[in-house]
Structures are given as C-alpha cells and as structure tokens.
Amino acid sequence: MRKELTFTELDSERVELLPARDTLTFFGKNNWASVWASNSSMAFNAASIYSAASSTAVQQIAVNQS
C-alpha cells in the first residue's frame, strides 16, 4: 500500500549533491579500465537408468583501472 505524502513531509526532505566523478576518457586524464569476465559451466550425466545429473557453474569478473 502506498502512503500519501503531505506537503509538510515533502518540505522536511533534504537534498545534497554527490561529489564529482571522473570519467574514462582517451584524452586529458587518460584513465583506462580493463574488464575481464569469465563464465564457465560443466555438466555430467551418466546415460543409464536412475542416473543423476550434476552441474557446476563459476563466474569471475576482474576490473583494473589505472
């Protein structure tokens, strides 16, 4: 359920600016970021009666910024 806000509640809200962020550019500061991601999965199922299937999945993400 959504609660209706009153003007008094809205007036009591405060806002503050976030600090400036550096951007990745090729000119000027020359910031670089390399991102490497890997997703792998392996499944095994023996083809017989009453066989059980199992699977393992791994995810890895590496970020390097200079």
Protein backbone atom coordinates (compact mmCIF):
# COMPACT_ATOMS: atom_id res chain seq x y z
CA MET A 1 0.00 0.00 0.00
CA ARG A 2 1.27 3.41 -0.88
CA LYS A 3 1.11 6.13 1.77
CA GLU A 4 0.14 9.61 0.62
CA LEU A 5 2.73 12.28 1.43
CA THR A 6 1.75 15.62 2.87
CA PHE A 7 3.31 18.95 1.93
CA THR A 8 4.82 19.13 5.43
CA GLU A 9 6.61 15.80 4.89
CA LEU A 10 7.85 16.91 1.49
CA ASP A 11 9.13 20.19 2.91
CA SER A 12 11.12 18.30 5.55
CA GLU A 13 13.07 16.34 2.89
CA ARG A 14 16.65 17.47 2.22
CA VAL A 15 18.85 17.09 -0.85
CA GLU A 16 22.62 17.10 -1.13
CA LEU A 17 24.83 16.98 -4.19
CA LEU A 18 27.00 13.97 -4.85
CA PRO A 19 30.76 14.51 -5.31
CA ALA A 20 32.03 14.89 -8.87
CA ARG A 21 33.10 11.70 -10.65
CA ASP A 22 36.00 11.21 -13.01
CA THR A 23 35.08 9.79 -16.37
CA LEU A 24 37.03 7.37 -18.52
CA THR A 25 38.43 9.35 -21.45
CA PHE A 26 41.11 8.81 -24.04
CA PHE A 27 42.15 12.46 -23.97
CA GLY A 28 43.03 14.56 -20.99
CA LYS A 29 43.45 12.40 -17.92
CA ASN A 30 43.90 9.15 -19.85
CA ASN A 31 42.07 6.88 -17.44
CA TRP A 32 41.94 3.25 -18.53
CA ALA A 33 39.87 0.38 -17.27
CA SER A 34 40.28 -3.21 -18.32
CA VAL A 35 37.43 -5.59 -17.62
CA TRP A 36 37.81 -9.35 -17.82
CA ALA A 37 34.85 -11.65 -17.32
CA SER A 38 34.58 -15.41 -17.47
CA ASN A 39 31.53 -17.65 -17.25
CA SER A 40 32.05 -21.39 -17.33
CA SER A 41 29.90 -24.39 -16.61
CA MET A 42 30.45 -28.12 -16.66
CA ALA A 43 27.71 -30.74 -16.58
CA PHE A 44 27.96 -34.50 -16.25
CA ASN A 45 25.19 -37.01 -16.73
CA ALA A 46 25.75 -40.73 -16.96
CA ALA A 47 23.38 -42.20 -19.55
CA SER A 48 21.90 -45.00 -17.51
CA ILE A 49 18.69 -45.74 -15.61
CA TYR A 50 18.41 -43.80 -12.36
CA SER A 51 21.34 -41.62 -13.32
CA ALA A 52 21.89 -38.32 -11.58
CA ALA A 53 22.90 -35.13 -13.32
CA SER A 54 25.15 -32.60 -11.66
CA SER A 55 26.44 -29.26 -12.86
CA THR A 56 28.88 -26.69 -11.58
CA ALA A 57 28.97 -23.06 -12.70
CA VAL A 58 31.62 -20.44 -11.94
CA GLN A 59 31.57 -16.71 -12.69
CA GLN A 60 34.51 -14.36 -12.28
CA ILE A 61 34.81 -10.65 -13.06
CA ALA A 62 38.01 -8.63 -12.65
CA VAL A 63 38.26 -4.85 -13.16
CA ASN A 64 41.55 -2.98 -13.19
CA GLN A 65 41.63 0.81 -13.54
CA SER A 66 44.77 2.87 -13.86
